[in-house]
Structure formats: C-alpha cells, structure tokens
Amino acid sequence: LAALYAGAAIFVTVAAYEAAGGPLRRDLFSDDGKAYLNLHSSEFPGGEIRGFLAPVPEPETYALMLAGLGLIGWAARRGPRAAA
C-alpha cells in the first residue's frame, strides 16, 4: 500500500504478519526527507512504537571520498612550484 504526495511515496506498509499477541504491522513513512518506522499491534491497539531511521553511508561512499581526497592531494603536490 502506498500513498503519493507530489509524485513521491510517503507511506509504505513493509510487512504485516501474525505475531503471538495478534497481527503486527510495520509501516515505513517518509516526510521531508526524514524516514521513520512505526510498529502496530492489536495487543496494544492505542499505541505504536515509532523509531526514526538515520541514514548510514555505505562503504563505497567512504572509498570514493578517500580516492577523491587522494587525487586532490596528488594534484596539489604535482602543481606548479615556485621558482626559488
């Protein structure tokens, strides 16, 4: 299930399954670039557990950053030298 706002999905039900205390539903919301996860259960019908999801850089991001910094350092070292 997804709802669209300005062409972007803002609500997605990730999974719904039967747990020991009744059905458990996990929902993923995205609003203003912030994503958060809701857990709902029929065992606690009036409440929910909400957690914000922090973006975590992937290892490739760090590798590209280090390669770029290395190239910048190499270019700076090979740059024109002042005559003494």
PDB file of N, CA and C in Angstrom:
ATOM      1  N   LEU A   1       0.849  -1.174   0.000  1.00  0.00           N
ATOM      2  CA  LEU A   1       0.000   0.000   0.000  1.00  0.00           C
ATOM      3  C   LEU A   1       0.887   1.226   0.000  1.00  0.00           C
ATOM      4  N   ALA A   2       0.647   2.153  -0.891  1.00  0.00           N
ATOM      5  CA  ALA A   2       1.450   3.374  -0.940  1.00  0.00           C
ATOM      6  C   ALA A   2       0.559   4.555  -1.262  1.00  0.00           C
ATOM      7  N   ALA A   3       0.826   5.666  -0.633  1.00  0.00           N
ATOM      8  CA  ALA A   3       0.136   6.915  -0.925  1.00  0.00           C
ATOM      9  C   ALA A   3       1.127   7.848  -1.592  1.00  0.00           C
ATOM     10  N   LEU A   4       0.660   8.623  -2.548  1.00  0.00           N
ATOM     11  CA  LEU A   4       1.545   9.538  -3.253  1.00  0.00           C
ATOM     12  C   LEU A   4       1.203  10.977  -2.887  1.00  0.00           C
ATOM     13  N   TYR A   5       2.236  11.773  -2.694  1.00  0.00           N
ATOM     14  CA  TYR A   5       2.077  13.202  -2.462  1.00  0.00           C
ATOM     15  C   TYR A   5       3.111  13.901  -3.318  1.00  0.00           C
ATOM     16  N   ALA A   6       2.673  14.710  -4.235  1.00  0.00           N
ATOM     17  CA  ALA A   6       3.562  15.407  -5.169  1.00  0.00           C
ATOM     18  C   ALA A   6       4.461  14.415  -5.912  1.00  0.00           C
ATOM     19  N   GLY A   7       3.907  13.260  -6.253  1.00  0.00           N
ATOM     20  CA  GLY A   7       4.638  12.275  -7.030  1.00  0.00           C
ATOM     21  C   GLY A   7       5.600  11.410  -6.252  1.00  0.00           C
ATOM     22  N   ALA A   8       5.648  11.554  -4.920  1.00  0.00           N
ATOM     23  CA  ALA A   8       6.578  10.762  -4.111  1.00  0.00           C
ATOM     24  C   ALA A   8       5.796   9.896  -3.134  1.00  0.00           C
ATOM     25  N   ALA A   9       6.242   8.657  -2.951  1.00  0.00           N
ATOM     26  CA  ALA A   9       5.596   7.758  -1.992  1.00  0.00           C
ATOM     27  C   ALA A   9       5.905   8.230  -0.581  1.00  0.00           C
ATOM     28  N   ILE A  10       4.863   8.394   0.236  1.00  0.00           N
ATOM     29  CA  ILE A  10       5.088   8.861   1.601  1.00  0.00           C
ATOM     30  C   ILE A  10       4.698   7.816   2.634  1.00  0.00           C
ATOM     31  N   PHE A  11       4.078   6.720   2.230  1.00  0.00           N
ATOM     32  CA  PHE A  11       3.653   5.689   3.175  1.00  0.00           C
ATOM     33  C   PHE A  11       3.746   4.338   2.498  1.00  0.00           C
ATOM     34  N   VAL A  12       4.400   3.410   3.146  1.00  0.00           N
ATOM     35  CA  VAL A  12       4.520   2.054   2.610  1.00  0.00           C
ATOM     36  C   VAL A  12       4.397   1.076   3.763  1.00  0.00           C
ATOM     37  N   THR A  13       3.508   0.078   3.644  1.00  0.00           N
ATOM     38  CA  THR A  13       3.459  -0.995   4.628  1.00  0.00           C
ATOM     39  C   THR A  13       4.521  -2.006   4.242  1.00  0.00           C
ATOM     40  N   VAL A  14       5.505  -2.159   5.105  1.00  0.00           N
ATOM     41  CA  VAL A  14       6.631  -3.029   4.810  1.00  0.00           C
ATOM     42  C   VAL A  14       6.239  -4.485   4.974  1.00  0.00           C
ATOM     43  N   ALA A  15       5.550  -4.826   6.072  1.00  0.00           N
ATOM     44  CA  ALA A  15       5.170  -6.213   6.309  1.00  0.00           C
ATOM     45  C   ALA A  15       4.006  -6.254   7.281  1.00  0.00           C
ATOM     46  N   ALA A  16       3.178  -7.230   7.125  1.00  0.00           N
ATOM     47  CA  ALA A  16       2.095  -7.484   8.068  1.00  0.00           C
ATOM     48  C   ALA A  16       2.031  -8.993   8.267  1.00  0.00           C
ATOM     49  N   TYR A  17       2.095  -9.424   9.509  1.00  0.00           N
ATOM     50  CA  TYR A  17       2.069 -10.857   9.778  1.00  0.00           C
ATOM     51  C   TYR A  17       1.463 -11.104  11.144  1.00  0.00           C
ATOM     52  N   GLU A  18       1.131 -12.348  11.412  1.00  0.00           N
ATOM     53  CA  GLU A  18       0.508 -12.748  12.671  1.00  0.00           C
ATOM     54  C   GLU A  18       1.591 -13.016  13.705  1.00  0.00           C
ATOM     55  N   ALA A  19       1.557 -12.272  14.802  1.00  0.00           N
ATOM     56  CA  ALA A  19       2.505 -12.469  15.901  1.00  0.00           C
ATOM     57  C   ALA A  19       1.777 -13.144  17.054  1.00  0.00           C
ATOM     58  N   ALA A  20       2.486 -13.418  18.133  1.00  0.00           N
ATOM     59  CA  ALA A  20       1.895 -14.120  19.275  1.00  0.00           C
ATOM     60  C   ALA A  20       0.725 -13.351  19.867  1.00  0.00           C
ATOM     61  N   GLY A  21       0.814 -12.034  19.921  1.00  0.00           N
ATOM     62  CA  GLY A  21      -0.250 -11.225  20.512  1.00  0.00           C
ATOM     63  C   GLY A  21      -1.265 -10.733  19.514  1.00  0.00           C
ATOM     64  N   GLY A  22      -1.217 -11.177  18.302  1.00  0.00           N
ATOM     65  CA  GLY A  22      -2.129 -10.718  17.263  1.00  0.00           C
ATOM     66  C   GLY A  22      -1.345 -10.183  16.082  1.00  0.00           C
ATOM     67  N   PRO A  23      -2.043  -9.599  15.127  1.00  0.00           N
ATOM     68  CA  PRO A  23      -1.350  -9.092  13.935  1.00  0.00           C
ATOM     69  C   PRO A  23      -0.371  -7.974  14.291  1.00  0.00           C
ATOM     70  N   LEU A  24       0.764  -7.980  13.643  1.00  0.00           N
ATOM     71  CA  LEU A  24       1.781  -6.952  13.824  1.00  0.00           C
ATOM     72  C   LEU A  24       2.045  -6.338  12.460  1.00  0.00           C
ATOM     73  N   ARG A  25       2.033  -5.026  12.408  1.00  0.00           N
ATOM     74  CA  ARG A  25       2.241  -4.335  11.138  1.00  0.00           C
ATOM     75  C   ARG A  25       3.411  -3.370  11.285  1.00  0.00           C
ATOM     76  N   ARG A  26       4.297  -3.383  10.293  1.00  0.00           N
ATOM     77  CA  ARG A  26       5.409  -2.428  10.261  1.00  0.00           C
ATOM     78  C   ARG A  26       5.167  -1.479   9.102  1.00  0.00           C
ATOM     79  N   ASP A  27       5.202  -0.200   9.384  1.00  0.00           N
ATOM     80  CA  ASP A  27       4.989   0.815   8.361  1.00  0.00           C
ATOM     81  C   ASP A  27       6.222   1.691   8.252  1.00  0.00           C
ATOM     82  N   LEU A  28       6.521   2.110   7.047  1.00  0.00           N
ATOM     83  CA  LEU A  28       7.646   2.997   6.802  1.00  0.00           C
ATOM     84  C   LEU A  28       7.106   4.295   6.223  1.00  0.00           C
ATOM     85  N   PHE A  29       7.382   5.402   6.896  1.00  0.00           N
ATOM     86  CA  PHE A  29       6.927   6.711   6.456  1.00  0.00           C
ATOM     87  C   PHE A  29       8.124   7.532   6.011  1.00  0.00           C
ATOM     88  N   SER A  30       7.902   8.441   5.099  1.00  0.00           N
ATOM     89  CA  SER A  30       8.939   9.383   4.687  1.00  0.00           C
ATOM     90  C   SER A  30       8.292  10.748   4.570  1.00  0.00           C
ATOM     91  N   ASP A  31       8.831  11.713   5.302  1.00  0.00           N
ATOM     92  CA  ASP A  31       8.271  13.054   5.304  1.00  0.00           C
ATOM     93  C   ASP A  31       9.414  14.050   5.373  1.00  0.00           C
ATOM     94  N   ASP A  32       9.508  14.938   4.417  1.00  0.00           N
ATOM     95  CA  ASP A  32      10.555  15.963   4.378  1.00  0.00           C
ATOM     96  C   ASP A  32      11.950  15.357   4.439  1.00  0.00           C
ATOM     97  N   GLY A  33      12.152  14.225   3.793  1.00  0.00           N
ATOM     98  CA  GLY A  33      13.459  13.595   3.776  1.00  0.00           C
ATOM     99  C   GLY A  33      13.802  12.827   5.036  1.00  0.00           C
ATOM    100  N   LYS A  34      12.896  12.782   6.002  1.00  0.00           N
ATOM    101  CA  LYS A  34      13.133  12.042   7.241  1.00  0.00           C
ATOM    102  C   LYS A  34      12.291  10.775   7.194  1.00  0.00           C
ATOM    103  N   ALA A  35      12.907   9.638   7.376  1.00  0.00           N
ATOM    104  CA  ALA A  35      12.183   8.368   7.346  1.00  0.00           C
ATOM    105  C   ALA A  35      12.022   7.845   8.762  1.00  0.00           C
ATOM    106  N   TYR A  36      10.857   7.312   9.063  1.00  0.00           N
ATOM    107  CA  TYR A  36      10.664   6.680  10.361  1.00  0.00           C
ATOM    108  C   TYR A  36       9.806   5.441  10.212  1.00  0.00           C
ATOM    109  N   LEU A  37       9.940   4.561  11.180  1.00  0.00           N
ATOM    110  CA  LEU A  37       9.310   3.249  11.162  1.00  0.00           C
ATOM    111  C   LEU A  37       8.298   3.165  12.289  1.00  0.00           C
ATOM    112  N   ASN A  38       7.097   2.710  12.003  1.00  0.00           N
ATOM    113  CA  ASN A  38       6.058   2.506  13.011  1.00  0.00           C
ATOM    114  C   ASN A  38       5.775   1.017  13.161  1.00  0.00           C
ATOM    115  N   LEU A  39       5.587   0.572  14.401  1.00  0.00           N
ATOM    116  CA  LEU A  39       5.157  -0.795  14.687  1.00  0.00           C
ATOM    117  C   LEU A  39       3.794  -0.727  15.355  1.00  0.00           C
ATOM    118  N   HIS A  40       2.834  -1.466  14.829  1.00  0.00           N
ATOM    119  CA  HIS A  40       1.482  -1.514  15.374  1.00  0.00           C
ATOM    120  C   HIS A  40       1.148  -2.957  15.732  1.00  0.00           C
ATOM    121  N   SER A  41       0.423  -3.158  16.818  1.00  0.00           N
ATOM    122  CA  SER A  41      -0.001  -4.493  17.212  1.00  0.00           C
ATOM    123  C   SER A  41      -1.406  -4.405  17.788  1.00  0.00           C
ATOM    124  N   SER A  42      -2.221  -5.429  17.549  1.00  0.00           N
ATOM    125  CA  SER A  42      -3.566  -5.444  18.122  1.00  0.00           C
ATOM    126  C   SER A  42      -3.518  -5.694  19.625  1.00  0.00           C
ATOM    127  N   GLU A  43      -2.365  -6.126  20.145  1.00  0.00           N
ATOM    128  CA  GLU A  43      -2.223  -6.321  21.581  1.00  0.00           C
ATOM    129  C   GLU A  43      -2.231  -4.979  22.310  1.00  0.00           C
ATOM    130  N   PHE A  44      -1.714  -3.949  21.668  1.00  0.00           N
ATOM    131  CA  PHE A  44      -1.720  -2.586  22.200  1.00  0.00           C
ATOM    132  C   PHE A  44      -2.387  -1.684  21.170  1.00  0.00           C
ATOM    133  N   PRO A  45      -3.720  -1.720  21.070  1.00  0.00           N
ATOM    134  CA  PRO A  45      -4.393  -1.028  19.977  1.00  0.00           C
ATOM    135  C   PRO A  45      -4.260   0.493  20.024  1.00  0.00           C
ATOM    136  N   GLY A  46      -4.032   1.075  21.186  1.00  0.00           N
ATOM    137  CA  GLY A  46      -3.966   2.531  21.262  1.00  0.00           C
ATOM    138  C   GLY A  46      -2.575   3.092  21.093  1.00  0.00           C
ATOM    139  N   GLY A  47      -1.588   2.256  20.910  1.00  0.00           N
ATOM    140  CA  GLY A  47      -0.225   2.764  20.860  1.00  0.00           C
ATOM    141  C   GLY A  47       0.551   2.251  19.679  1.00  0.00           C
ATOM    142  N   GLU A  48       1.694   2.826  19.544  1.00  0.00           N
ATOM    143  CA  GLU A  48       2.597   2.408  18.489  1.00  0.00           C
ATOM    144  C   GLU A  48       4.021   2.662  18.955  1.00  0.00           C
ATOM    145  N   ILE A  49       4.933   1.984  18.319  1.00  0.00           N
ATOM    146  CA  ILE A  49       6.350   2.211  18.569  1.00  0.00           C
ATOM    147  C   ILE A  49       6.891   2.901  17.328  1.00  0.00           C
ATOM    148  N   ARG A  50       7.486   4.066  17.517  1.00  0.00           N
ATOM    149  CA  ARG A  50       7.993   4.831  16.380  1.00  0.00           C
ATOM    150  C   ARG A  50       9.487   5.044  16.547  1.00  0.00           C
ATOM    151  N   GLY A  51      10.222   4.773  15.507  1.00  0.00           N
ATOM    152  CA  GLY A  51      11.663   4.991  15.518  1.00  0.00           C
ATOM    153  C   GLY A  51      12.103   5.695  14.247  1.00  0.00           C
ATOM    154  N   PHE A  52      12.964   6.674  14.395  1.00  0.00           N
ATOM    155  CA  PHE A  52      13.487   7.391  13.234  1.00  0.00           C
ATOM    156  C   PHE A  52      14.676   6.629  12.665  1.00  0.00           C
ATOM    157  N   LEU A  53      14.757   6.583  11.365  1.00  0.00           N
ATOM    158  CA  LEU A  53      15.819   5.859  10.676  1.00  0.00           C
ATOM    159  C   LEU A  53      16.898   6.847  10.253  1.00  0.00           C
ATOM    160  N   ALA A  54      18.105   6.642  10.734  1.00  0.00           N
ATOM    161  CA  ALA A  54      19.223   7.524  10.389  1.00  0.00           C
ATOM    162  C   ALA A  54      19.922   6.998   9.141  1.00  0.00           C
ATOM    163  N   PRO A  55      20.267   7.889   8.228  1.00  0.00           N
ATOM    164  CA  PRO A  55      20.996   7.433   7.045  1.00  0.00           C
ATOM    165  C   PRO A  55      22.411   7.009   7.424  1.00  0.00           C
ATOM    166  N   VAL A  56      22.828   5.880   6.907  1.00  0.00           N
ATOM    167  CA  VAL A  56      24.166   5.350   7.190  1.00  0.00           C
ATOM    168  C   VAL A  56      24.912   5.247   5.864  1.00  0.00           C
ATOM    169  N   PRO A  57      26.066   5.920   5.752  1.00  0.00           N
ATOM    170  CA  PRO A  57      26.817   5.825   4.495  1.00  0.00           C
ATOM    171  C   PRO A  57      27.296   4.398   4.237  1.00  0.00           C
ATOM    172  N   GLU A  58      27.295   4.015   2.986  1.00  0.00           N
ATOM    173  CA  GLU A  58      27.776   2.694   2.600  1.00  0.00           C
ATOM    174  C   GLU A  58      29.298   2.729   2.478  1.00  0.00           C
ATOM    175  N   PRO A  59      29.963   1.584   2.580  1.00  0.00           N
ATOM    176  CA  PRO A  59      31.431   1.558   2.475  1.00  0.00           C
ATOM    177  C   PRO A  59      31.953   2.170   1.174  1.00  0.00           C
ATOM    178  N   GLU A  60      31.203   2.020   0.089  1.00  0.00           N
ATOM    179  CA  GLU A  60      31.632   2.596  -1.185  1.00  0.00           C
ATOM    180  C   GLU A  60      31.724   4.112  -1.103  1.00  0.00           C
ATOM    181  N   THR A  61      30.879   4.730  -0.288  1.00  0.00           N
ATOM    182  CA  THR A  61      30.921   6.177  -0.113  1.00  0.00           C
ATOM    183  C   THR A  61      32.255   6.596   0.481  1.00  0.00           C
ATOM    184  N   TYR A  62      32.697   5.882   1.501  1.00  0.00           N
ATOM    185  CA  TYR A  62      33.987   6.193   2.121  1.00  0.00           C
ATOM    186  C   TYR A  62      35.136   5.945   1.143  1.00  0.00           C
ATOM    187  N   ALA A  63      35.051   4.877   0.360  1.00  0.00           N
ATOM    188  CA  ALA A  63      36.107   4.571  -0.605  1.00  0.00           C
ATOM    189  C   ALA A  63      36.219   5.680  -1.649  1.00  0.00           C
ATOM    190  N   LEU A  64      35.087   6.155  -2.155  1.00  0.00           N
ATOM    191  CA  LEU A  64      35.111   7.239  -3.134  1.00  0.00           C
ATOM    192  C   LEU A  64      35.652   8.523  -2.522  1.00  0.00           C
ATOM    193  N   MET A  65      35.280   8.807  -1.279  1.00  0.00           N
ATOM    194  CA  MET A  65      35.768  10.008  -0.613  1.00  0.00           C
ATOM    195  C   MET A  65      37.285   9.949  -0.449  1.00  0.00           C
ATOM    196  N   LEU A  66      37.809   8.812   0.003  1.00  0.00           N
ATOM    197  CA  LEU A  66      39.253   8.672   0.176  1.00  0.00           C
ATOM    198  C   LEU A  66      39.990   8.757  -1.161  1.00  0.00           C
ATOM    199  N   ALA A  67      39.426   8.157  -2.200  1.00  0.00           N
ATOM    200  CA  ALA A  67      40.051   8.237  -3.522  1.00  0.00           C
ATOM    201  C   ALA A  67      40.070   9.682  -4.013  1.00  0.00           C
ATOM    202  N   GLY A  68      38.986  10.401  -3.818  1.00  0.00           N
ATOM    203  CA  GLY A  68      38.929  11.804  -4.225  1.00  0.00           C
ATOM    204  C   GLY A  68      39.913  12.663  -3.459  1.00  0.00           C
ATOM    205  N   LEU A  69      40.010  12.456  -2.153  1.00  0.00           N
ATOM    206  CA  LEU A  69      40.978  13.218  -1.358  1.00  0.00           C
ATOM    207  C   LEU A  69      42.405  12.890  -1.772  1.00  0.00           C
ATOM    208  N   GLY A  70      42.655  11.621  -2.095  1.00  0.00           N
ATOM    209  CA  GLY A  70      43.979  11.228  -2.569  1.00  0.00           C
ATOM    210  C   GLY A  70      44.332  11.913  -3.882  1.00  0.00           C
ATOM    211  N   LEU A  71      43.369  11.980  -4.810  1.00  0.00           N
ATOM    212  CA  LEU A  71      43.614  12.658  -6.087  1.00  0.00           C
ATOM    213  C   LEU A  71      43.847  14.150  -5.891  1.00  0.00           C
ATOM    214  N   ILE A  72      43.110  14.765  -4.996  1.00  0.00           N
ATOM    215  CA  ILE A  72      43.313  16.188  -4.716  1.00  0.00           C
ATOM    216  C   ILE A  72      44.707  16.411  -4.133  1.00  0.00           C
ATOM    217  N   GLY A  73      45.117  15.558  -3.200  1.00  0.00           N
ATOM    218  CA  GLY A  73      46.459  15.661  -2.631  1.00  0.00           C
ATOM    219  C   GLY A  73      47.540  15.451  -3.672  1.00  0.00           C
ATOM    220  N   TRP A  74      47.351  14.479  -4.544  1.00  0.00           N
ATOM    221  CA  TRP A  74      48.320  14.200  -5.605  1.00  0.00           C
ATOM    222  C   TRP A  74      48.419  15.390  -6.557  1.00  0.00           C
ATOM    223  N   ALA A  75      47.261  15.969  -6.940  1.00  0.00           N
ATOM    224  CA  ALA A  75      47.264  17.122  -7.843  1.00  0.00           C
ATOM    225  C   ALA A  75      47.921  18.327  -7.179  1.00  0.00           C
ATOM    226  N   ALA A  76      47.688  18.526  -5.900  1.00  0.00           N
ATOM    227  CA  ALA A  76      48.301  19.656  -5.197  1.00  0.00           C
ATOM    228  C   ALA A  76      49.813  19.475  -5.109  1.00  0.00           C
ATOM    229  N   ARG A  77      50.254  18.268  -4.930  1.00  0.00           N
ATOM    230  CA  ARG A  77      51.693  18.001  -4.819  1.00  0.00           C
ATOM    231  C   ARG A  77      52.391  18.180  -6.164  1.00  0.00           C
ATOM    232  N   ARG A  78      51.718  17.824  -7.258  1.00  0.00           N
ATOM    233  CA  ARG A  78      52.302  17.932  -8.602  1.00  0.00           C
ATOM    234  C   ARG A  78      52.106  19.307  -9.203  1.00  0.00           C
ATOM    235  N   GLY A  79      51.390  20.182  -8.533  1.00  0.00           N
ATOM    236  CA  GLY A  79      51.087  21.512  -9.072  1.00  0.00           C
ATOM    237  C   GLY A  79      52.337  22.321  -9.356  1.00  0.00           C
ATOM    238  N   PRO A  80      52.147  23.492  -9.959  1.00  0.00           N
ATOM    239  CA  PRO A  80      53.305  24.341 -10.289  1.00  0.00           C
ATOM    240  C   PRO A  80      54.067  24.733  -9.029  1.00  0.00           C
ATOM    241  N   ARG A  81      55.367  24.688  -9.137  1.00  0.00           N
ATOM    242  CA  ARG A  81      56.219  25.029  -7.993  1.00  0.00           C
ATOM    243  C   ARG A  81      56.804  26.423  -8.212  1.00  0.00           C
ATOM    244  N   ALA A  82      56.930  27.128  -7.121  1.00  0.00           N
ATOM    245  CA  ALA A  82      57.501  28.478  -7.195  1.00  0.00           C
ATOM    246  C   ALA A  82      59.006  28.391  -7.411  1.00  0.00           C
ATOM    247  N   ALA A  83      59.527  29.252  -8.272  1.00  0.00           N
ATOM    248  CA  ALA A  83      60.972  29.274  -8.526  1.00  0.00           C
ATOM    249  C   ALA A  83      61.677  29.957  -7.365  1.00  0.00           C
ATOM    250  N   ALA A  84      62.762  29.369  -6.910  1.00  0.00           N
ATOM    251  CA  ALA A  84      63.480  29.945  -5.766  1.00  0.00           C
ATOM    252  C   ALA A  84      64.613  30.831  -6.183  1.00  0.00           C
TER     253      ALA A  84
END
